[in-house]
Amino acid sequence: MSTTNNSVFNKLKSKYANVVAVNDCNTAQHVTDTIETARSKVAKKLLANKAYADNGFKADAGAKKPDKVYKRKADKTYAVGCKYGNRWLKDIFGTNAKMLDGLTEAQLSDALSDLAECAENGDFDNAIASIMQANVLAKQQRDSE
């Protein structure tokens, strides 16, 4: 924190004795999720996608579209994966497999429910933990710059 002899600052300082002049202000107060919270977030995202799909791929009035965890392909089948935050969970269907491909539209809703249940049961904990660790490392790197 630094102070300045700037007349505007001095004028305001006389009125607001507790203020200081600074170069920037970072208001982020990041709290790392527990694995239980992370599981819940993954499941919640999957269930939001299920609700969206069940509603004819339309958001309810006043609601926004969910962060999609599926892709509709040209052959009208779907590939589905899971996300923690904005990152895809990796290797959850086997090595180098982050999506389940070949689902029909009729299967999509049930698959999203099943994946949400898997998330809540801890089946994706390793993939979630990997992302959580990468997020902590990225934050540490930003903080050290």
N, C-alpha and C. Protein backbone atom coordinates (compact mmCIF):
# COMPACT_ATOMS: atom_id res chain seq x y z
N MET A 1 0.84 -1.17 0.00
CA MET A 1 0.00 0.00 0.00
C MET A 1 0.89 1.23 0.00
N SER A 2 0.46 2.22 -0.73
CA SER A 2 1.24 3.45 -0.76
C SER A 2 0.30 4.64 -0.64
N THR A 3 0.80 5.68 -0.04
CA THR A 3 0.03 6.91 0.04
C THR A 3 0.60 7.89 -0.94
N THR A 4 -0.14 8.92 -1.19
CA THR A 4 0.29 9.91 -2.16
C THR A 4 0.00 11.30 -1.61
N ASN A 5 0.66 12.30 -2.16
CA ASN A 5 0.41 13.69 -1.76
C ASN A 5 -0.68 14.31 -2.61
N ASN A 6 -1.33 13.51 -3.39
CA ASN A 6 -2.38 13.98 -4.28
C ASN A 6 -3.45 14.71 -3.48
N SER A 7 -3.84 15.89 -3.96
CA SER A 7 -4.81 16.71 -3.23
C SER A 7 -6.19 16.03 -3.15
N VAL A 8 -6.55 15.27 -4.17
CA VAL A 8 -7.83 14.56 -4.12
C VAL A 8 -7.80 13.53 -3.00
N PHE A 9 -6.69 12.78 -2.94
CA PHE A 9 -6.58 11.79 -1.87
C PHE A 9 -6.63 12.47 -0.50
N ASN A 10 -5.89 13.54 -0.32
CA ASN A 10 -5.86 14.23 0.97
C ASN A 10 -7.25 14.75 1.35
N LYS A 11 -7.96 15.26 0.37
CA LYS A 11 -9.32 15.76 0.61
C LYS A 11 -10.22 14.62 1.10
N LEU A 12 -10.14 13.46 0.41
CA LEU A 12 -10.97 12.33 0.79
C LEU A 12 -10.51 11.70 2.11
N LYS A 13 -9.21 11.69 2.33
CA LYS A 13 -8.66 11.13 3.57
C LYS A 13 -9.16 11.92 4.77
N SER A 14 -9.31 13.23 4.61
CA SER A 14 -9.81 14.03 5.73
C SER A 14 -11.27 13.69 6.04
N LYS A 15 -12.00 13.25 5.05
CA LYS A 15 -13.40 12.88 5.24
C LYS A 15 -13.56 11.42 5.67
N TYR A 16 -12.72 10.55 5.09
CA TYR A 16 -12.78 9.12 5.38
C TYR A 16 -11.43 8.68 5.93
N ALA A 17 -11.26 8.80 7.22
CA ALA A 17 -9.97 8.59 7.86
C ALA A 17 -9.40 7.19 7.67
N ASN A 18 -10.24 6.22 7.41
CA ASN A 18 -9.78 4.83 7.32
C ASN A 18 -9.27 4.43 5.93
N VAL A 19 -9.35 5.30 4.91
CA VAL A 19 -8.96 4.90 3.56
C VAL A 19 -7.46 5.04 3.34
N VAL A 20 -6.96 4.25 2.39
CA VAL A 20 -5.57 4.33 1.96
C VAL A 20 -5.55 4.27 0.43
N ALA A 21 -4.51 4.79 -0.18
CA ALA A 21 -4.35 4.71 -1.63
C ALA A 21 -3.54 3.47 -1.96
N VAL A 22 -4.00 2.71 -2.96
CA VAL A 22 -3.31 1.48 -3.36
C VAL A 22 -3.24 1.42 -4.88
N ASN A 23 -2.39 0.54 -5.39
CA ASN A 23 -2.25 0.37 -6.83
C ASN A 23 -3.30 -0.53 -7.44
N ASP A 24 -3.77 -1.53 -6.69
CA ASP A 24 -4.81 -2.42 -7.20
C ASP A 24 -5.57 -3.00 -6.02
N CYS A 25 -6.65 -3.67 -6.34
CA CYS A 25 -7.47 -4.24 -5.29
C CYS A 25 -7.97 -5.60 -5.74
N ASN A 26 -7.52 -6.64 -5.09
CA ASN A 26 -7.98 -7.98 -5.40
C ASN A 26 -8.97 -8.39 -4.34
N THR A 27 -10.23 -8.53 -4.73
CA THR A 27 -11.28 -8.87 -3.78
C THR A 27 -11.56 -10.37 -3.71
N ALA A 28 -10.89 -11.15 -4.54
CA ALA A 28 -11.13 -12.59 -4.55
C ALA A 28 -10.71 -13.20 -3.23
N GLN A 29 -11.60 -14.00 -2.70
CA GLN A 29 -11.30 -14.72 -1.47
C GLN A 29 -11.59 -16.19 -1.74
N HIS A 30 -10.70 -16.81 -2.48
CA HIS A 30 -10.89 -18.18 -2.92
C HIS A 30 -10.81 -19.14 -1.74
N VAL A 31 -11.79 -20.01 -1.67
CA VAL A 31 -11.78 -21.08 -0.69
C VAL A 31 -11.84 -22.39 -1.48
N THR A 32 -10.87 -23.24 -1.26
CA THR A 32 -10.83 -24.51 -1.97
C THR A 32 -11.98 -25.39 -1.51
N ASP A 33 -12.69 -25.97 -2.47
CA ASP A 33 -13.79 -26.87 -2.15
C ASP A 33 -13.29 -28.12 -1.46
N THR A 34 -14.15 -28.70 -0.64
CA THR A 34 -13.89 -30.06 -0.15
C THR A 34 -14.24 -31.01 -1.28
N ILE A 35 -13.82 -32.24 -1.18
CA ILE A 35 -14.16 -33.21 -2.23
C ILE A 35 -15.67 -33.43 -2.27
N GLU A 36 -16.34 -33.36 -1.12
CA GLU A 36 -17.79 -33.53 -1.07
C GLU A 36 -18.49 -32.39 -1.82
N THR A 37 -18.02 -31.16 -1.61
CA THR A 37 -18.59 -30.00 -2.31
C THR A 37 -18.34 -30.11 -3.80
N ALA A 38 -17.13 -30.52 -4.17
CA ALA A 38 -16.79 -30.67 -5.59
C ALA A 38 -17.67 -31.73 -6.25
N ARG A 39 -17.86 -32.86 -5.57
CA ARG A 39 -18.75 -33.91 -6.10
C ARG A 39 -20.14 -33.34 -6.36
N SER A 40 -20.62 -32.60 -5.38
CA SER A 40 -21.96 -32.02 -5.47
C SER A 40 -22.07 -31.05 -6.64
N LYS A 41 -21.03 -30.26 -6.86
CA LYS A 41 -21.04 -29.31 -7.99
C LYS A 41 -21.07 -30.04 -9.33
N VAL A 42 -20.31 -31.12 -9.43
CA VAL A 42 -20.31 -31.91 -10.67
C VAL A 42 -21.71 -32.50 -10.90
N ALA A 43 -22.29 -33.07 -9.86
CA ALA A 43 -23.62 -33.67 -9.97
C ALA A 43 -24.67 -32.61 -10.30
N LYS A 44 -24.58 -31.47 -9.67
CA LYS A 44 -25.55 -30.39 -9.91
C LYS A 44 -25.50 -29.94 -11.37
N LYS A 45 -24.30 -29.84 -11.92
CA LYS A 45 -24.15 -29.44 -13.33
C LYS A 45 -24.77 -30.49 -14.26
N LEU A 46 -24.56 -31.75 -13.95
CA LEU A 46 -25.15 -32.83 -14.75
C LEU A 46 -26.68 -32.79 -14.67
N LEU A 47 -27.21 -32.57 -13.48
CA LEU A 47 -28.67 -32.54 -13.31
C LEU A 47 -29.29 -31.31 -13.95
N ALA A 48 -28.56 -30.20 -13.99
CA ALA A 48 -29.04 -29.01 -14.71
C ALA A 48 -29.13 -29.30 -16.20
N ASN A 49 -28.16 -30.06 -16.72
CA ASN A 49 -28.20 -30.46 -18.13
C ASN A 49 -29.35 -31.41 -18.39
N LYS A 50 -29.62 -32.31 -17.46
CA LYS A 50 -30.75 -33.23 -17.59
C LYS A 50 -32.06 -32.44 -17.65
N ALA A 51 -32.23 -31.49 -16.76
CA ALA A 51 -33.46 -30.68 -16.75
C ALA A 51 -33.61 -29.92 -18.06
N TYR A 52 -32.50 -29.40 -18.56
CA TYR A 52 -32.52 -28.67 -19.83
C TYR A 52 -32.93 -29.61 -20.98
N ALA A 53 -32.34 -30.78 -21.03
CA ALA A 53 -32.67 -31.76 -22.07
C ALA A 53 -34.13 -32.22 -21.95
N ASP A 54 -34.56 -32.47 -20.70
CA ASP A 54 -35.94 -32.91 -20.47
C ASP A 54 -36.95 -31.83 -20.84
N ASN A 55 -36.52 -30.59 -20.88
CA ASN A 55 -37.40 -29.46 -21.23
C ASN A 55 -37.30 -29.13 -22.73
N GLY A 56 -36.91 -30.11 -23.52
CA GLY A 56 -36.82 -29.90 -24.97
C GLY A 56 -35.64 -29.04 -25.37
N PHE A 57 -34.58 -29.05 -24.57
CA PHE A 57 -33.37 -28.26 -24.82
C PHE A 57 -33.69 -26.77 -24.83
N LYS A 58 -34.56 -26.39 -23.91
CA LYS A 58 -34.93 -24.98 -23.73
C LYS A 58 -34.83 -24.66 -22.25
N ALA A 59 -34.38 -23.45 -21.95
CA ALA A 59 -34.33 -23.00 -20.57
C ALA A 59 -35.72 -22.52 -20.15
N ASP A 60 -36.04 -22.70 -18.89
CA ASP A 60 -37.29 -22.16 -18.37
C ASP A 60 -37.26 -20.65 -18.49
N ALA A 61 -38.42 -20.04 -18.49
CA ALA A 61 -38.52 -18.58 -18.60
C ALA A 61 -37.70 -17.93 -17.48
N GLY A 62 -36.86 -17.01 -17.87
CA GLY A 62 -36.02 -16.30 -16.91
C GLY A 62 -34.76 -17.04 -16.50
N ALA A 63 -34.63 -18.30 -16.90
CA ALA A 63 -33.44 -19.08 -16.55
C ALA A 63 -32.46 -19.05 -17.72
N LYS A 64 -31.21 -19.31 -17.42
CA LYS A 64 -30.23 -19.36 -18.50
C LYS A 64 -29.87 -20.81 -18.80
N LYS A 65 -29.32 -21.02 -19.97
CA LYS A 65 -28.90 -22.36 -20.36
C LYS A 65 -27.78 -22.83 -19.42
N PRO A 66 -27.76 -24.12 -19.13
CA PRO A 66 -26.67 -24.63 -18.28
C PRO A 66 -25.35 -24.69 -19.07
N ASP A 67 -24.27 -24.78 -18.35
CA ASP A 67 -22.96 -25.04 -18.94
C ASP A 67 -23.04 -26.48 -19.47
N LYS A 68 -23.14 -26.62 -20.77
CA LYS A 68 -23.41 -27.93 -21.36
C LYS A 68 -22.26 -28.92 -21.16
N VAL A 69 -22.65 -30.15 -20.82
CA VAL A 69 -21.68 -31.23 -20.64
C VAL A 69 -21.86 -32.29 -21.72
N TYR A 70 -22.60 -31.94 -22.76
CA TYR A 70 -22.82 -32.87 -23.85
C TYR A 70 -22.62 -32.13 -25.17
N LYS A 71 -22.40 -32.91 -26.20
CA LYS A 71 -22.28 -32.36 -27.55
C LYS A 71 -23.18 -33.19 -28.46
N ARG A 72 -23.96 -32.48 -29.26
CA ARG A 72 -24.81 -33.16 -30.24
C ARG A 72 -24.01 -33.28 -31.53
N LYS A 73 -23.95 -34.49 -32.04
CA LYS A 73 -23.15 -34.74 -33.24
C LYS A 73 -24.02 -34.73 -34.48
N ALA A 74 -23.39 -34.67 -35.63
CA ALA A 74 -24.09 -34.60 -36.91
C ALA A 74 -25.04 -35.78 -37.12
N ASP A 75 -24.69 -36.94 -36.58
CA ASP A 75 -25.56 -38.12 -36.75
C ASP A 75 -26.68 -38.16 -35.71
N LYS A 76 -26.86 -37.06 -34.98
CA LYS A 76 -27.92 -36.88 -33.98
C LYS A 76 -27.74 -37.76 -32.74
N THR A 77 -26.52 -38.24 -32.52
CA THR A 77 -26.19 -38.90 -31.26
C THR A 77 -25.47 -37.89 -30.39
N TYR A 78 -25.27 -38.27 -29.14
CA TYR A 78 -24.68 -37.35 -28.18
C TYR A 78 -23.43 -37.95 -27.54
N ALA A 79 -22.49 -37.08 -27.25
CA ALA A 79 -21.32 -37.42 -26.45
C ALA A 79 -21.47 -36.64 -25.15
N VAL A 80 -21.27 -37.32 -24.02
CA VAL A 80 -21.48 -36.71 -22.72
C VAL A 80 -20.23 -36.88 -21.87
N GLY A 81 -19.90 -35.82 -21.13
CA GLY A 81 -18.81 -35.86 -20.18
C GLY A 81 -19.22 -35.16 -18.90
N CYS A 82 -18.27 -34.93 -18.05
CA CYS A 82 -18.52 -34.27 -16.77
C CYS A 82 -17.53 -33.14 -16.59
N LYS A 83 -17.99 -32.06 -15.96
CA LYS A 83 -17.13 -30.92 -15.70
C LYS A 83 -17.14 -30.56 -14.22
N TYR A 84 -15.96 -30.17 -13.76
CA TYR A 84 -15.85 -29.53 -12.45
C TYR A 84 -15.39 -28.11 -12.77
N GLY A 85 -16.23 -27.14 -12.44
CA GLY A 85 -15.96 -25.78 -12.88
C GLY A 85 -16.08 -25.75 -14.39
N ASN A 86 -15.06 -25.23 -15.04
CA ASN A 86 -15.09 -25.19 -16.50
C ASN A 86 -14.15 -26.21 -17.13
N ARG A 87 -13.69 -27.15 -16.33
CA ARG A 87 -12.74 -28.16 -16.83
C ARG A 87 -13.39 -29.53 -16.93
N TRP A 88 -13.12 -30.20 -18.02
CA TRP A 88 -13.63 -31.55 -18.23
C TRP A 88 -12.87 -32.52 -17.33
N LEU A 89 -13.60 -33.46 -16.73
CA LEU A 89 -12.96 -34.53 -15.96
C LEU A 89 -12.33 -35.50 -16.96
N LYS A 90 -11.07 -35.82 -16.72
CA LYS A 90 -10.33 -36.66 -17.66
C LYS A 90 -10.27 -38.09 -17.17
N ASP A 91 -10.18 -39.00 -18.11
CA ASP A 91 -9.97 -40.43 -17.85
C ASP A 91 -11.09 -41.07 -17.02
N ILE A 92 -12.28 -40.51 -17.04
CA ILE A 92 -13.35 -41.07 -16.22
C ILE A 92 -14.02 -42.29 -16.86
N PHE A 93 -13.81 -42.48 -18.14
CA PHE A 93 -14.36 -43.65 -18.82
C PHE A 93 -13.25 -44.57 -19.30
N GLY A 94 -12.08 -44.41 -18.76
CA GLY A 94 -10.91 -45.17 -19.17
C GLY A 94 -9.81 -44.20 -19.57
N THR A 95 -8.64 -44.73 -19.84
CA THR A 95 -7.50 -43.91 -20.20
C THR A 95 -7.79 -43.07 -21.43
N ASN A 96 -7.53 -41.78 -21.33
CA ASN A 96 -7.74 -40.81 -22.40
C ASN A 96 -9.19 -40.71 -22.86
N ALA A 97 -10.14 -41.07 -21.99
CA ALA A 97 -11.55 -41.00 -22.35
C ALA A 97 -12.28 -40.09 -21.37
N LYS A 98 -12.69 -38.94 -21.87
CA LYS A 98 -13.42 -38.01 -21.01
C LYS A 98 -14.89 -37.88 -21.40
N MET A 99 -15.29 -38.55 -22.49
CA MET A 99 -16.68 -38.47 -22.92
C MET A 99 -17.20 -39.86 -23.26
N LEU A 100 -18.49 -40.02 -23.05
CA LEU A 100 -19.21 -41.23 -23.42
C LEU A 100 -19.95 -40.90 -24.70
N ASP A 101 -19.64 -41.60 -25.77
CA ASP A 101 -20.15 -41.25 -27.09
C ASP A 101 -21.17 -42.27 -27.56
N GLY A 102 -22.09 -41.82 -28.43
CA GLY A 102 -23.03 -42.71 -29.08
C GLY A 102 -24.39 -42.81 -28.42
N LEU A 103 -24.69 -41.90 -27.48
CA LEU A 103 -25.99 -41.92 -26.83
C LEU A 103 -27.06 -41.35 -27.75
N THR A 104 -28.23 -41.97 -27.74
CA THR A 104 -29.35 -41.41 -28.49
C THR A 104 -30.00 -40.31 -27.63
N GLU A 105 -30.84 -39.51 -28.26
CA GLU A 105 -31.53 -38.47 -27.50
C GLU A 105 -32.37 -39.09 -26.39
N ALA A 106 -32.97 -40.25 -26.66
CA ALA A 106 -33.78 -40.93 -25.65
C ALA A 106 -32.95 -41.41 -24.46
N GLN A 107 -31.67 -41.68 -24.67
CA GLN A 107 -30.79 -42.17 -23.61
C GLN A 107 -30.12 -41.04 -22.83
N LEU A 108 -30.09 -39.86 -23.39
CA LEU A 108 -29.33 -38.74 -22.82
C LEU A 108 -29.74 -38.42 -21.39
N SER A 109 -31.02 -38.26 -21.13
CA SER A 109 -31.51 -37.89 -19.81
C SER A 109 -31.10 -38.90 -18.75
N ASP A 110 -31.31 -40.19 -19.04
CA ASP A 110 -30.93 -41.23 -18.08
C ASP A 110 -29.43 -41.27 -17.86
N ALA A 111 -28.66 -41.07 -18.92
CA ALA A 111 -27.21 -41.08 -18.79
C ALA A 111 -26.74 -39.93 -17.90
N LEU A 112 -27.35 -38.76 -18.05
CA LEU A 112 -26.99 -37.62 -17.20
C LEU A 112 -27.32 -37.91 -15.74
N SER A 113 -28.45 -38.55 -15.49
CA SER A 113 -28.82 -38.95 -14.11
C SER A 113 -27.82 -39.95 -13.55
N ASP A 114 -27.47 -40.94 -14.37
CA ASP A 114 -26.52 -41.96 -13.93
C ASP A 114 -25.16 -41.35 -13.61
N LEU A 115 -24.72 -40.42 -14.44
CA LEU A 115 -23.43 -39.77 -14.20
C LEU A 115 -23.47 -38.92 -12.93
N ALA A 116 -24.60 -38.25 -12.69
CA ALA A 116 -24.75 -37.46 -11.47
C ALA A 116 -24.65 -38.37 -10.24
N GLU A 117 -25.27 -39.52 -10.33
CA GLU A 117 -25.19 -40.49 -9.23
C GLU A 117 -23.75 -40.97 -9.03
N CYS A 118 -23.06 -41.23 -10.12
CA CYS A 118 -21.64 -41.64 -10.03
C CYS A 118 -20.81 -40.55 -9.36
N ALA A 119 -21.07 -39.29 -9.72
CA ALA A 119 -20.33 -38.17 -9.11
C ALA A 119 -20.58 -38.14 -7.61
N GLU A 120 -21.85 -38.23 -7.21
CA GLU A 120 -22.20 -38.20 -5.78
C GLU A 120 -21.60 -39.38 -5.02
N ASN A 121 -21.47 -40.53 -5.69
CA ASN A 121 -20.91 -41.73 -5.05
C ASN A 121 -19.39 -41.71 -4.97
N GLY A 122 -18.75 -40.70 -5.55
CA GLY A 122 -17.30 -40.60 -5.46
C GLY A 122 -16.55 -41.28 -6.58
N ASP A 123 -17.26 -41.73 -7.61
CA ASP A 123 -16.60 -42.44 -8.71
C ASP A 123 -15.62 -41.57 -9.50
N PHE A 124 -15.78 -40.26 -9.42
CA PHE A 124 -14.92 -39.35 -10.18
C PHE A 124 -13.92 -38.61 -9.29
N ASP A 125 -13.75 -39.06 -8.07
CA ASP A 125 -12.92 -38.33 -7.11
C ASP A 125 -11.49 -38.10 -7.60
N ASN A 126 -10.89 -39.08 -8.24
CA ASN A 126 -9.51 -38.90 -8.72
C ASN A 126 -9.43 -37.81 -9.77
N ALA A 127 -10.38 -37.80 -10.69
CA ALA A 127 -10.39 -36.77 -11.74
C ALA A 127 -10.67 -35.39 -11.14
N ILE A 128 -11.59 -35.33 -10.18
CA ILE A 128 -11.89 -34.06 -9.52
C ILE A 128 -10.68 -33.57 -8.75
N ALA A 129 -10.04 -34.47 -8.00
CA ALA A 129 -8.86 -34.10 -7.21
C ALA A 129 -7.74 -33.58 -8.10
N SER A 130 -7.60 -34.15 -9.27
CA SER A 130 -6.58 -33.70 -10.21
C SER A 130 -6.83 -32.25 -10.63
N ILE A 131 -8.08 -31.92 -10.90
CA ILE A 131 -8.43 -30.55 -11.29
C ILE A 131 -8.25 -29.61 -10.10
N MET A 132 -8.66 -30.05 -8.92
CA MET A 132 -8.50 -29.21 -7.74
C MET A 132 -7.03 -28.89 -7.49
N GLN A 133 -6.18 -29.88 -7.65
CA GLN A 133 -4.74 -29.68 -7.47
C GLN A 133 -4.19 -28.72 -8.52
N ALA A 134 -4.62 -28.87 -9.77
CA ALA A 134 -4.17 -27.97 -10.83
C ALA A 134 -4.63 -26.55 -10.56
N ASN A 135 -5.84 -26.38 -10.03
CA ASN A 135 -6.35 -25.05 -9.69
C ASN A 135 -5.52 -24.40 -8.58
N VAL A 136 -5.16 -25.18 -7.56
CA VAL A 136 -4.34 -24.65 -6.47
C VAL A 136 -2.97 -24.23 -6.99
N LEU A 137 -2.37 -25.07 -7.82
CA LEU A 137 -1.06 -24.74 -8.39
C LEU A 137 -1.13 -23.49 -9.26
N ALA A 138 -2.18 -23.36 -10.05
CA ALA A 138 -2.34 -22.17 -10.90
C ALA A 138 -2.50 -20.92 -10.05
N LYS A 139 -3.26 -21.02 -8.96
CA LYS A 139 -3.44 -19.88 -8.06
C LYS A 139 -2.11 -19.50 -7.41
N GLN A 140 -1.35 -20.49 -6.96
CA GLN A 140 -0.05 -20.22 -6.35
C GLN A 140 0.88 -19.52 -7.34
N GLN A 141 0.83 -19.94 -8.59
CA GLN A 141 1.67 -19.33 -9.62
C GLN A 141 1.25 -17.88 -9.85
N ARG A 142 -0.06 -17.62 -9.94
CA ARG A 142 -0.55 -16.25 -10.12
C ARG A 142 -0.16 -15.36 -8.94
N ASP A 143 -0.27 -15.91 -7.74
CA ASP A 143 0.04 -15.14 -6.54
C ASP A 143 1.53 -14.80 -6.45
N SER A 144 2.38 -15.64 -7.03
CA SER A 144 3.82 -15.39 -6.95
C SER A 144 4.32 -14.44 -8.02
N GLU A 145 3.48 -14.09 -8.97
CA GLU A 145 3.89 -13.20 -10.06
C GLU A 145 3.84 -11.75 -9.64
